[in-house]
C-alpha cells in the first residue's frame, strides 16, 4: 500500500487474490512442519520397536559366530556340491584360531557346530568371532559359499537424526535391514 499510485488504486479482486496467496503459503509452511514432526515420530517409534529384539536370535548375512556357553552354530549355503569344506574360525585380528574340515556336503544350506575350542584344544572366551568358508568340488574347483550368521541381539544403539538404529550382538553391530529371520 505504501507504494500504491493514488490515481490507480489496487483492484479489490487483485488485493483479495494476493491475500489468498499469502494465506496459502502460510498454510503450506505449517503443513510441511506438521509432516516433518509426523515423520520424526514414526522414525522414533520404529527405532523403539527394535528394542523388542533384545534377547532374541536373528539370522543375518555375514560371517559371524557368537560363542556362548555351548556349541556355536555356523551357517552357510553352498551353490554346488562340495567334496571338501574348510571352515576357519577367526579372532578379532582375522587370524585363524580353529580350522574344521568337512567332506561331502551337498549344495544348499549347511550348519556345522563349533565346540568353542581353538586348534590346541583350549576353550575360547565367550564372544563374537568371524569365520571363513572355503569349499571345493571333486575336481578341486572352488564352490561358492554364502555365509550367514545366527546371532543373539544383546542391545540396540539408537540412531541420531537421519540415522537408523543398529542391533548389537556382543561387540558387533548388525544392520536391521540385513536381518532375514527372527527366532
Protein backbone atom coordinates (compact mmCIF):
# COMPACT_ATOMS: atom_id res chain seq x y z
CA UNK A 1 0.00 0.00 0.00
CA UNK A 2 2.93 2.35 0.67
CA UNK A 3 3.99 2.37 -2.98
CA UNK A 4 0.47 2.39 -4.41
CA UNK A 5 -0.36 5.00 -7.04
CA UNK A 6 -3.25 7.14 -5.68
CA UNK A 7 -4.53 7.68 -9.22
CA UNK A 8 -4.67 3.91 -9.81
CA UNK A 9 -5.88 2.26 -6.64
CA UNK A 10 -5.44 -1.53 -6.47
CA UNK A 11 -8.36 -3.53 -7.69
CA UNK A 12 -10.29 -5.34 -4.95
CA UNK A 13 -10.01 -8.66 -6.80
CA UNK A 14 -6.21 -8.37 -7.10
CA UNK A 15 -5.87 -7.42 -3.45
CA UNK A 16 -8.01 -10.38 -2.35
CA UNK A 17 -6.04 -12.73 -4.64
CA UNK A 18 -2.75 -11.59 -3.10
CA UNK A 19 -4.11 -12.12 0.42
CA UNK A 20 -5.25 -15.62 -0.56
CA UNK A 21 -1.79 -16.43 -1.94
CA UNK A 22 -0.15 -15.29 1.31
CA UNK A 23 -2.60 -17.43 3.26
CA UNK A 24 -1.82 -20.49 1.07
CA UNK A 25 1.92 -20.05 1.55
CA UNK A 26 1.46 -19.82 5.32
CA UNK A 27 -0.73 -22.95 5.38
CA UNK A 28 1.78 -24.86 3.21
CA UNK A 29 4.60 -23.97 5.61
CA UNK A 30 2.57 -25.19 8.58
CA UNK A 31 1.71 -28.42 6.72
CA UNK A 32 5.38 -29.11 5.96
CA UNK A 33 6.27 -28.64 9.65
CA UNK A 34 3.49 -31.00 10.76
CA UNK A 35 4.55 -33.64 8.22
CA UNK A 36 8.17 -33.46 9.42
CA UNK A 37 7.04 -33.87 13.03
CA UNK A 38 5.00 -36.92 11.99
CA UNK A 39 7.98 -38.43 10.15
CA UNK A 40 10.23 -37.85 13.19
CA UNK A 41 7.69 -39.53 15.49
CA UNK A 42 7.37 -42.53 13.17
CA UNK A 43 11.16 -42.86 12.96
CA UNK A 44 11.46 -42.81 16.75
CA UNK A 45 8.71 -45.43 17.06
CA UNK A 46 10.43 -47.69 14.52
CA UNK A 47 13.72 -47.41 16.41
CA UNK A 48 11.99 -48.21 19.70
CA UNK A 49 10.39 -51.33 18.17
CA UNK A 50 13.86 -52.78 17.62
CA UNK A 51 14.28 -52.96 21.42
CA UNK A 52 11.88 -55.92 21.30
CA UNK A 53 14.60 -57.94 19.54
CA UNK A 54 16.93 -57.86 22.56
CA UNK A 55 17.50 -61.42 23.75
CA UNK A 56 16.16 -62.93 20.53
CA UNK A 57 18.17 -64.68 17.85
CA UNK A 58 18.32 -63.24 14.34
CA UNK A 59 19.69 -64.61 11.10
CA UNK A 60 21.67 -62.14 9.03
CA UNK A 61 24.07 -62.16 6.13
CA UNK A 62 27.75 -62.13 7.03
CA UNK A 63 30.27 -64.45 8.60
CA UNK A 64 29.95 -64.05 12.36
CA UNK A 65 29.55 -66.69 15.04
CA UNK A 66 28.62 -66.00 18.65
CA UNK A 67 30.28 -68.24 21.19
CA UNK A 68 28.35 -68.64 24.42
CA UNK A 69 28.26 -71.50 26.91
CA UNK A 70 27.73 -74.27 24.37
CA UNK A 71 28.46 -75.15 20.78
CA UNK A 72 28.05 -72.25 18.36
CA UNK A 73 26.21 -72.76 15.04
CA UNK A 74 27.93 -71.73 11.82
CA UNK A 75 25.64 -71.42 8.81
CA UNK A 76 26.38 -71.08 5.12
CA UNK A 77 24.89 -72.04 1.77
CA UNK A 78 26.84 -73.87 -0.94
CA UNK A 79 25.90 -73.10 -4.55
CA UNK A 80 27.05 -76.57 -5.68
CA UNK A 81 28.02 -79.94 -4.20
CA UNK A 82 31.35 -79.75 -2.37
CA UNK A 83 33.80 -82.62 -1.93
CA UNK A 84 35.63 -80.73 0.83
CA UNK A 85 34.76 -77.74 3.00
CA UNK A 86 37.18 -75.93 5.30
CA UNK A 87 35.80 -73.56 7.94
CA UNK A 88 38.29 -71.26 9.65
CA UNK A 89 37.26 -69.54 12.88
CA UNK A 90 38.89 -66.11 13.10
CA UNK A 91 39.82 -63.96 16.09
CA UNK A 92 39.39 -60.16 16.29
CA UNK A 93 42.55 -59.71 14.20
CA UNK A 94 41.18 -62.04 11.46
CA UNK A 95 43.77 -64.68 12.37
CA UNK A 96 42.63 -68.33 12.22
CA UNK A 97 42.28 -69.90 15.65
CA UNK A 98 40.47 -73.08 14.60
CA UNK A 99 40.23 -74.98 11.33
CA UNK A 100 37.46 -77.51 10.80
CA UNK A 101 37.40 -79.73 7.70
CA UNK A 102 34.31 -81.50 6.37
CA UNK A 103 33.80 -83.73 3.37
CA UNK A 104 30.90 -84.42 1.06
CA UNK A 105 28.44 -81.58 1.63
CA UNK A 106 25.59 -81.16 -0.88
CA UNK A 107 24.54 -77.86 -2.44
CA UNK A 108 22.19 -75.80 -0.29
CA UNK A 109 22.07 -74.59 3.31
CA UNK A 110 24.56 -76.08 5.76
CA UNK A 111 25.03 -75.80 9.50
CA UNK A 112 28.03 -77.02 11.47
CA UNK A 113 28.75 -76.61 15.16
CA UNK A 114 31.91 -75.11 16.64
CA UNK A 115 32.70 -76.54 20.07
CA UNK A 116 34.33 -73.25 21.14
CA UNK A 117 37.88 -74.59 21.19
CA UNK A 118 40.94 -73.48 19.26
CA UNK A 119 43.26 -75.82 17.35
CA UNK A 120 45.18 -76.53 20.61
CA UNK A 121 42.02 -77.70 22.38
CA UNK A 122 41.76 -74.63 24.62
CA UNK A 123 38.29 -73.21 25.24
CA UNK A 124 37.99 -69.73 23.76
CA UNK A 125 36.38 -66.86 25.68
CA UNK A 126 32.71 -66.05 25.17
CA UNK A 127 32.31 -63.51 22.36
CA UNK A 128 31.71 -62.93 18.69
CA UNK A 129 34.14 -64.38 16.16
CA UNK A 130 34.42 -64.27 12.39
CA UNK A 131 34.67 -67.26 10.11
CA UNK A 132 35.62 -68.06 6.52
CA UNK A 133 34.39 -70.94 4.39
CA UNK A 134 36.47 -72.44 1.57
CA UNK A 135 34.73 -75.17 -0.42
CA UNK A 136 35.94 -77.23 -3.39
CA UNK A 137 34.25 -79.69 -5.68
CA UNK A 138 35.62 -83.13 -6.62
CA UNK A 139 37.91 -81.60 -9.27
CA UNK A 140 39.38 -79.05 -6.88
CA UNK A 141 37.44 -76.10 -8.32
CA UNK A 142 36.11 -73.51 -5.90
CA UNK A 143 32.49 -73.77 -4.78
CA UNK A 144 30.88 -70.51 -3.71
CA UNK A 145 29.69 -70.40 -0.11
CA UNK A 146 27.32 -67.66 1.06
CA UNK A 147 27.78 -67.06 4.79
CA UNK A 148 25.03 -66.20 7.21
CA UNK A 149 25.01 -65.69 10.96
CA UNK A 150 22.67 -66.62 13.76
CA UNK A 151 23.25 -64.05 16.48
CA UNK A 152 21.62 -63.15 19.78
CA UNK A 153 20.71 -59.47 19.94
CA UNK A 154 22.24 -58.00 23.10
CA UNK A 155 21.24 -54.37 22.62
CA UNK A 156 20.13 -51.59 20.30
CA UNK A 157 22.11 -48.46 19.52
CA UNK A 158 19.63 -45.72 18.69
CA UNK A 159 20.41 -43.65 15.62
CA UNK A 160 20.78 -39.91 15.66
CA UNK A 161 18.77 -37.65 13.36
CA UNK A 162 18.65 -39.21 9.93
CA UNK A 163 20.31 -42.47 11.03
CA UNK A 164 18.62 -45.77 11.70
CA UNK A 165 19.12 -47.77 14.90
CA UNK A 166 21.53 -50.72 14.73
CA UNK A 167 21.33 -54.01 16.57
CA UNK A 168 24.17 -55.07 18.84
CA UNK A 169 25.38 -58.66 19.03
CA UNK A 170 28.11 -58.54 21.62
CA UNK A 171 30.74 -56.16 20.27
CA UNK A 172 29.40 -56.40 16.71
CA UNK A 173 26.80 -54.16 15.09
CA UNK A 174 24.15 -55.54 12.75
CA UNK A 175 22.17 -53.51 10.25
CA UNK A 176 18.48 -54.35 10.85
CA UNK A 177 17.95 -54.36 7.07
CA UNK A 178 20.30 -57.37 6.85
CA UNK A 179 18.14 -59.49 9.18
CA UNK A 180 16.39 -62.25 7.22
CA UNK A 181 14.84 -64.25 10.07
CA UNK A 182 13.94 -63.74 13.74
CA UNK A 183 13.72 -66.73 16.11
